[in-house]
Amino acid sequence: ARQKLGKYRIEKRLSEGGFATVYRAF
């Protein structure tokens, strides 16, 4: 949480699947 990826600021993890994770970001 709060990590920056380019213009996106991670807020929280929403879900996790077999190959990927989905995050809420700003």
PDB file of all heavy atoms in Angstrom:
ATOM      1  N   ALA A   1       0.838  -1.189   0.000  1.00  0.00           N
ATOM      2  CA  ALA A   1       0.000   0.000   0.000  1.00  0.00           C
ATOM      3  C   ALA A   1       0.880   1.249   0.000  1.00  0.00           C
ATOM      4  O   ALA A   1       1.937   1.282   0.634  1.00  0.00           O
ATOM      5  CB  ALA A   1      -0.909   0.003   1.216  1.00  0.00           C
ATOM      6  N   ARG A   2       0.446   2.265  -0.754  1.00  0.00           N
ATOM      7  CA  ARG A   2       1.120   3.560  -0.910  1.00  0.00           C
ATOM      8  C   ARG A   2       2.339   3.494  -1.822  1.00  0.00           C
ATOM      9  O   ARG A   2       2.981   4.507  -2.077  1.00  0.00           O
ATOM     10  CB  ARG A   2       1.482   4.185   0.449  1.00  0.00           C
ATOM     11  CG  ARG A   2       0.284   4.358   1.381  1.00  0.00           C
ATOM     12  CD  ARG A   2       0.582   5.327   2.500  1.00  0.00           C
ATOM     13  NE  ARG A   2       0.817   6.679   1.977  1.00  0.00           N
ATOM     14  CZ  ARG A   2      -0.160   7.527   1.610  1.00  0.00           C
ATOM     15  NH1 ARG A   2      -1.432   7.154   1.670  1.00  0.00           N
ATOM     16  NH2 ARG A   2       0.141   8.726   1.156  1.00  0.00           N
ATOM     17  N   GLN A   3       2.679   2.291  -2.311  1.00  0.00           N
ATOM     18  CA  GLN A   3       3.773   2.188  -3.282  1.00  0.00           C
ATOM     19  C   GLN A   3       3.346   2.863  -4.579  1.00  0.00           C
ATOM     20  O   GLN A   3       2.179   2.824  -4.969  1.00  0.00           O
ATOM     21  CB  GLN A   3       4.112   0.719  -3.528  1.00  0.00           C
ATOM     22  CG  GLN A   3       5.240   0.480  -4.523  1.00  0.00           C
ATOM     23  CD  GLN A   3       5.606  -0.996  -4.616  1.00  0.00           C
ATOM     24  OE1 GLN A   3       5.332  -1.780  -3.712  1.00  0.00           O
ATOM     25  NE2 GLN A   3       6.222  -1.380  -5.716  1.00  0.00           N
ATOM     26  N   LYS A   4       4.277   3.507  -5.263  1.00  0.00           N
ATOM     27  CA  LYS A   4       4.001   4.151  -6.539  1.00  0.00           C
ATOM     28  C   LYS A   4       4.483   3.267  -7.687  1.00  0.00           C
ATOM     29  O   LYS A   4       5.580   2.710  -7.647  1.00  0.00           O
ATOM     30  CB  LYS A   4       4.721   5.500  -6.623  1.00  0.00           C
ATOM     31  CG  LYS A   4       4.151   6.587  -5.736  1.00  0.00           C
ATOM     32  CD  LYS A   4       2.822   7.122  -6.229  1.00  0.00           C
ATOM     33  CE  LYS A   4       2.965   7.890  -7.545  1.00  0.00           C
ATOM     34  NZ  LYS A   4       3.710   9.159  -7.438  1.00  0.00           N
ATOM     35  N   LEU A   5       3.643   3.125  -8.702  1.00  0.00           N
ATOM     36  CA  LEU A   5       4.005   2.489  -9.967  1.00  0.00           C
ATOM     37  C   LEU A   5       3.679   3.497 -11.048  1.00  0.00           C
ATOM     38  O   LEU A   5       2.515   3.664 -11.436  1.00  0.00           O
ATOM     39  CB  LEU A   5       3.216   1.196 -10.191  1.00  0.00           C
ATOM     40  CG  LEU A   5       3.618  -0.048  -9.414  1.00  0.00           C
ATOM     41  CD1 LEU A   5       2.692  -1.211  -9.763  1.00  0.00           C
ATOM     42  CD2 LEU A   5       5.060  -0.421  -9.691  1.00  0.00           C
ATOM     43  N   GLY A   6       4.714   4.195 -11.520  1.00  0.00           N
ATOM     44  CA  GLY A   6       4.450   5.242 -12.487  1.00  0.00           C
ATOM     45  C   GLY A   6       3.513   6.272 -11.893  1.00  0.00           C
ATOM     46  O   GLY A   6       3.754   6.810 -10.815  1.00  0.00           O
ATOM     47  N   LYS A   7       2.414   6.535 -12.588  1.00  0.00           N
ATOM     48  CA  LYS A   7       1.460   7.525 -12.088  1.00  0.00           C
ATOM     49  C   LYS A   7       0.455   6.940 -11.095  1.00  0.00           C
ATOM     50  O   LYS A   7      -0.384   7.671 -10.563  1.00  0.00           O
ATOM     51  CB  LYS A   7       0.703   8.148 -13.263  1.00  0.00           C
ATOM     52  CG  LYS A   7      -0.204   7.178 -14.030  1.00  0.00           C
ATOM     53  CD  LYS A   7      -0.985   7.937 -15.097  1.00  0.00           C
ATOM     54  CE  LYS A   7      -1.938   7.001 -15.853  1.00  0.00           C
ATOM     55  NZ  LYS A   7      -2.831   7.761 -16.765  1.00  0.00           N
ATOM     56  N   TYR A   8       0.535   5.634 -10.849  1.00  0.00           N
ATOM     57  CA  TYR A   8      -0.429   4.990  -9.968  1.00  0.00           C
ATOM     58  C   TYR A   8       0.097   4.858  -8.541  1.00  0.00           C
ATOM     59  O   TYR A   8       1.247   4.465  -8.326  1.00  0.00           O
ATOM     60  CB  TYR A   8      -0.787   3.594 -10.491  1.00  0.00           C
ATOM     61  CG  TYR A   8      -1.339   3.602 -11.897  1.00  0.00           C
ATOM     62  CD1 TYR A   8      -0.619   3.033 -12.948  1.00  0.00           C
ATOM     63  CD2 TYR A   8      -2.562   4.187 -12.173  1.00  0.00           C
ATOM     64  CE1 TYR A   8      -1.117   3.040 -14.243  1.00  0.00           C
ATOM     65  CE2 TYR A   8      -3.077   4.200 -13.461  1.00  0.00           C
ATOM     66  CZ  TYR A   8      -2.348   3.635 -14.496  1.00  0.00           C
ATOM     67  OH  TYR A   8      -2.844   3.653 -15.772  1.00  0.00           O
ATOM     68  N   ARG A   9      -0.748   5.167  -7.554  1.00  0.00           N
ATOM     69  CA  ARG A   9      -0.419   4.934  -6.156  1.00  0.00           C
ATOM     70  C   ARG A   9      -1.287   3.783  -5.638  1.00  0.00           C
ATOM     71  O   ARG A   9      -2.513   3.861  -5.630  1.00  0.00           O
ATOM     72  CB  ARG A   9      -0.669   6.193  -5.318  1.00  0.00           C
ATOM     73  CG  ARG A   9      -0.248   6.025  -3.849  1.00  0.00           C
ATOM     74  CD  ARG A   9      -0.382   7.315  -3.059  1.00  0.00           C
ATOM     75  NE  ARG A   9      -1.766   7.736  -2.917  1.00  0.00           N
ATOM     76  CZ  ARG A   9      -2.281   8.842  -3.437  1.00  0.00           C
ATOM     77  NH1 ARG A   9      -1.506   9.656  -4.151  1.00  0.00           N
ATOM     78  NH2 ARG A   9      -3.545   9.151  -3.255  1.00  0.00           N
ATOM     79  N   ILE A  10      -0.647   2.680  -5.267  1.00  0.00           N
ATOM     80  CA  ILE A  10      -1.357   1.500  -4.799  1.00  0.00           C
ATOM     81  C   ILE A  10      -2.072   1.802  -3.479  1.00  0.00           C
ATOM     82  O   ILE A  10      -1.492   2.406  -2.573  1.00  0.00           O
ATOM     83  CB  ILE A  10      -0.385   0.312  -4.603  1.00  0.00           C
ATOM     84  CG1 ILE A  10       0.364   0.006  -5.896  1.00  0.00           C
ATOM     85  CG2 ILE A  10      -1.144  -0.922  -4.104  1.00  0.00           C
ATOM     86  CD1 ILE A  10      -0.505  -0.440  -7.045  1.00  0.00           C
ATOM     87  N   GLU A  11      -3.326   1.379  -3.377  1.00  0.00           N
ATOM     88  CA  GLU A  11      -4.087   1.583  -2.133  1.00  0.00           C
ATOM     89  C   GLU A  11      -4.323   0.280  -1.373  1.00  0.00           C
ATOM     90  O   GLU A  11      -4.108   0.215  -0.173  1.00  0.00           O
ATOM     91  CB  GLU A  11      -5.414   2.275  -2.438  1.00  0.00           C
ATOM     92  CG  GLU A  11      -5.202   3.692  -2.947  1.00  0.00           C
ATOM     93  CD  GLU A  11      -6.483   4.478  -3.083  1.00  0.00           C
ATOM     94  OE1 GLU A  11      -7.573   3.856  -3.107  1.00  0.00           O
ATOM     95  OE2 GLU A  11      -6.409   5.708  -3.166  1.00  0.00           O
ATOM     96  N   LYS A  12      -4.770  -0.754  -2.090  1.00  0.00           N
ATOM     97  CA  LYS A  12      -4.955  -2.042  -1.413  1.00  0.00           C
ATOM     98  C   LYS A  12      -5.135  -3.147  -2.439  1.00  0.00           C
ATOM     99  O   LYS A  12      -5.457  -2.888  -3.601  1.00  0.00           O
ATOM    100  CB  LYS A  12      -6.157  -2.017  -0.465  1.00  0.00           C
ATOM    101  CG  LYS A  12      -7.504  -1.885  -1.138  1.00  0.00           C
ATOM    102  CD  LYS A  12      -8.617  -1.972  -0.103  1.00  0.00           C
ATOM    103  CE  LYS A  12      -9.996  -1.890  -0.752  1.00  0.00           C
ATOM    104  NZ  LYS A  12     -11.080  -2.038   0.238  1.00  0.00           N
ATOM    105  N   ARG A  13      -4.930  -4.386  -1.978  1.00  0.00           N
ATOM    106  CA  ARG A  13      -5.150  -5.540  -2.842  1.00  0.00           C
ATOM    107  C   ARG A  13      -6.638  -5.883  -2.829  1.00  0.00           C
ATOM    108  O   ARG A  13      -7.274  -5.927  -1.784  1.00  0.00           O
ATOM    109  CB  ARG A  13      -4.336  -6.736  -2.331  1.00  0.00           C
ATOM    110  CG  ARG A  13      -4.435  -7.958  -3.220  1.00  0.00           C
ATOM    111  CD  ARG A  13      -3.511  -9.047  -2.747  1.00  0.00           C
ATOM    112  NE  ARG A  13      -3.889  -9.504  -1.407  1.00  0.00           N
ATOM    113  CZ  ARG A  13      -3.211 -10.399  -0.709  1.00  0.00           C
ATOM    114  NH1 ARG A  13      -2.096 -10.901  -1.184  1.00  0.00           N
ATOM    115  NH2 ARG A  13      -3.624 -10.762   0.490  1.00  0.00           N
ATOM    116  N   LEU A  14      -7.184  -6.126  -4.010  1.00  0.00           N
ATOM    117  CA  LEU A  14      -8.597  -6.460  -4.131  1.00  0.00           C
ATOM    118  C   LEU A  14      -8.834  -7.963  -4.258  1.00  0.00           C
ATOM    119  O   LEU A  14      -9.768  -8.505  -3.661  1.00  0.00           O
ATOM    120  CB  LEU A  14      -9.207  -5.748  -5.344  1.00  0.00           C
ATOM    121  CG  LEU A  14      -9.275  -4.226  -5.278  1.00  0.00           C
ATOM    122  CD1 LEU A  14      -9.810  -3.671  -6.590  1.00  0.00           C
ATOM    123  CD2 LEU A  14     -10.155  -3.782  -4.106  1.00  0.00           C
ATOM    124  N   SER A  15      -8.018  -8.637  -5.054  1.00  0.00           N
ATOM    125  CA  SER A  15      -8.212 -10.075  -5.263  1.00  0.00           C
ATOM    126  C   SER A  15      -6.932 -10.674  -5.806  1.00  0.00           C
ATOM    127  O   SER A  15      -6.050  -9.961  -6.287  1.00  0.00           O
ATOM    128  CB  SER A  15      -9.372 -10.347  -6.221  1.00  0.00           C
ATOM    129  OG  SER A  15      -9.088  -9.825  -7.507  1.00  0.00           O
ATOM    130  N   GLU A  16      -6.862 -12.011  -5.738  1.00  0.00           N
ATOM    131  CA  GLU A  16      -5.681 -12.705  -6.226  1.00  0.00           C
ATOM    132  C   GLU A  16      -6.096 -13.969  -6.948  1.00  0.00           C
ATOM    133  O   GLU A  16      -6.897 -14.755  -6.439  1.00  0.00           O
ATOM    134  CB  GLU A  16      -4.767 -13.050  -5.048  1.00  0.00           C
ATOM    135  CG  GLU A  16      -3.383 -13.514  -5.467  1.00  0.00           C
ATOM    136  CD  GLU A  16      -2.404 -13.502  -4.312  1.00  0.00           C
ATOM    137  OE1 GLU A  16      -2.734 -12.948  -3.251  1.00  0.00           O
ATOM    138  OE2 GLU A  16      -1.308 -14.070  -4.487  1.00  0.00           O
ATOM    139  N   GLY A  17      -5.578 -14.157  -8.151  1.00  0.00           N
ATOM    140  CA  GLY A  17      -5.883 -15.346  -8.937  1.00  0.00           C
ATOM    141  C   GLY A  17      -4.649 -16.191  -9.140  1.00  0.00           C
ATOM    142  O   GLY A  17      -3.611 -15.980  -8.502  1.00  0.00           O
ATOM    143  N   GLY A  18      -4.752 -17.155 -10.034  1.00  0.00           N
ATOM    144  CA  GLY A  18      -3.652 -18.066 -10.259  1.00  0.00           C
ATOM    145  C   GLY A  18      -2.427 -17.405 -10.880  1.00  0.00           C
ATOM    146  O   GLY A  18      -1.289 -17.801 -10.602  1.00  0.00           O
ATOM    147  N   PHE A  19      -2.642 -16.368 -11.697  1.00  0.00           N
ATOM    148  CA  PHE A  19      -1.534 -15.751 -12.413  1.00  0.00           C
ATOM    149  C   PHE A  19      -1.323 -14.289 -12.058  1.00  0.00           C
ATOM    150  O   PHE A  19      -0.257 -13.740 -12.321  1.00  0.00           O
ATOM    151  CB  PHE A  19      -1.758 -15.852 -13.929  1.00  0.00           C
ATOM    152  CG  PHE A  19      -1.834 -17.265 -14.424  1.00  0.00           C
ATOM    153  CD1 PHE A  19      -3.053 -17.842 -14.741  1.00  0.00           C
ATOM    154  CD2 PHE A  19      -0.688 -18.029 -14.552  1.00  0.00           C
ATOM    155  CE1 PHE A  19      -3.135 -19.149 -15.186  1.00  0.00           C
ATOM    156  CE2 PHE A  19      -0.758 -19.331 -14.997  1.00  0.00           C
ATOM    157  CZ  PHE A  19      -1.977 -19.899 -15.315  1.00  0.00           C
ATOM    158  N   ALA A  20      -2.324 -13.645 -11.477  1.00  0.00           N
ATOM    159  CA  ALA A  20      -2.226 -12.202 -11.280  1.00  0.00           C
ATOM    160  C   ALA A  20      -2.936 -11.764 -10.011  1.00  0.00           C
ATOM    161  O   ALA A  20      -3.781 -12.468  -9.468  1.00  0.00           O
ATOM    162  CB  ALA A  20      -2.816 -11.470 -12.487  1.00  0.00           C
ATOM    163  N   THR A  21      -2.577 -10.565  -9.572  1.00  0.00           N
ATOM    164  CA  THR A  21      -3.217  -9.924  -8.433  1.00  0.00           C
ATOM    165  C   THR A  21      -3.851  -8.626  -8.915  1.00  0.00           C
ATOM    166  O   THR A  21      -3.292  -7.929  -9.767  1.00  0.00           O
ATOM    167  CB  THR A  21      -2.190  -9.631  -7.327  1.00  0.00           C
ATOM    168  OG1 THR A  21      -1.561 -10.857  -6.948  1.00  0.00           O
ATOM    169  CG2 THR A  21      -2.858  -9.025  -6.104  1.00  0.00           C
ATOM    170  N   VAL A  22      -5.022  -8.308  -8.369  1.00  0.00           N
ATOM    171  CA  VAL A  22      -5.715  -7.074  -8.733  1.00  0.00           C
ATOM    172  C   VAL A  22      -5.659  -6.115  -7.546  1.00  0.00           C
ATOM    173  O   VAL A  22      -5.954  -6.494  -6.411  1.00  0.00           O
ATOM    174  CB  VAL A  22      -7.176  -7.346  -9.133  1.00  0.00           C
ATOM    175  CG1 VAL A  22      -7.894  -6.039  -9.482  1.00  0.00           C
ATOM    176  CG2 VAL A  22      -7.239  -8.309 -10.323  1.00  0.00           C
ATOM    177  N   TYR A  23      -5.275  -4.868  -7.837  1.00  0.00           N
ATOM    178  CA  TYR A  23      -5.132  -3.846  -6.804  1.00  0.00           C
ATOM    179  C   TYR A  23      -6.048  -2.664  -7.094  1.00  0.00           C
ATOM    180  O   TYR A  23      -6.303  -2.323  -8.258  1.00  0.00           O
ATOM    181  CB  TYR A  23      -3.693  -3.318  -6.746  1.00  0.00           C
ATOM    182  CG  TYR A  23      -2.666  -4.354  -6.379  1.00  0.00           C
ATOM    183  CD1 TYR A  23      -2.053  -5.123  -7.366  1.00  0.00           C
ATOM    184  CD2 TYR A  23      -2.301  -4.564  -5.052  1.00  0.00           C
ATOM    185  CE1 TYR A  23      -1.101  -6.081  -7.042  1.00  0.00           C
ATOM    186  CE2 TYR A  23      -1.357  -5.532  -4.716  1.00  0.00           C
ATOM    187  CZ  TYR A  23      -0.765  -6.276  -5.718  1.00  0.00           C
ATOM    188  OH  TYR A  23       0.166  -7.229  -5.394  1.00  0.00           O
ATOM    189  N   ARG A  24      -6.495  -2.027  -6.022  1.00  0.00           N
ATOM    190  CA  ARG A  24      -7.122  -0.711  -6.137  1.00  0.00           C
ATOM    191  C   ARG A  24      -5.998   0.315  -6.096  1.00  0.00           C
ATOM    192  O   ARG A  24      -5.110   0.244  -5.234  1.00  0.00           O
ATOM    193  CB  ARG A  24      -8.089  -0.488  -4.977  1.00  0.00           C
ATOM    194  CG  ARG A  24      -8.677   0.928  -4.897  1.00  0.00           C
ATOM    195  CD  ARG A  24      -9.435   1.089  -3.588  1.00  0.00           C
ATOM    196  NE  ARG A  24      -9.750   2.488  -3.339  1.00  0.00           N
ATOM    197  CZ  ARG A  24     -10.969   3.009  -3.429  1.00  0.00           C
ATOM    198  NH1 ARG A  24     -11.985   2.241  -3.778  1.00  0.00           N
ATOM    199  NH2 ARG A  24     -11.175   4.283  -3.168  1.00  0.00           N
ATOM    200  N   ALA A  25      -6.025   1.253  -7.032  1.00  0.00           N
ATOM    201  CA  ALA A  25      -4.973   2.262  -7.092  1.00  0.00           C
ATOM    202  C   ALA A  25      -5.578   3.610  -7.464  1.00  0.00           C
ATOM    203  O   ALA A  25      -6.715   3.704  -7.951  1.00  0.00           O
ATOM    204  CB  ALA A  25      -3.900   1.863  -8.106  1.00  0.00           C
ATOM    205  N   PHE A  26      -4.791   4.664  -7.233  1.00  0.00           N
ATOM    206  CA  PHE A  26      -5.220   6.018  -7.576  1.00  0.00           C
ATOM    207  C   PHE A  26      -4.337   6.542  -8.692  1.00  0.00           C
ATOM    208  O   PHE A  26      -3.104   6.496  -8.605  1.00  0.00           O
ATOM    209  CB  PHE A  26      -5.115   6.932  -6.352  1.00  0.00           C
ATOM    210  CG  PHE A  26      -5.612   8.327  -6.602  1.00  0.00           C
ATOM    211  CD1 PHE A  26      -6.965   8.568  -6.751  1.00  0.00           C
ATOM    212  CD2 PHE A  26      -4.719   9.395  -6.688  1.00  0.00           C
ATOM    213  CE1 PHE A  26      -7.438   9.859  -6.983  1.00  0.00           C
ATOM    214  CE2 PHE A  26      -5.175  10.678  -6.926  1.00  0.00           C
ATOM    215  CZ  PHE A  26      -6.541  10.916  -7.074  1.00  0.00           C
TER     216      PHE A  26
END
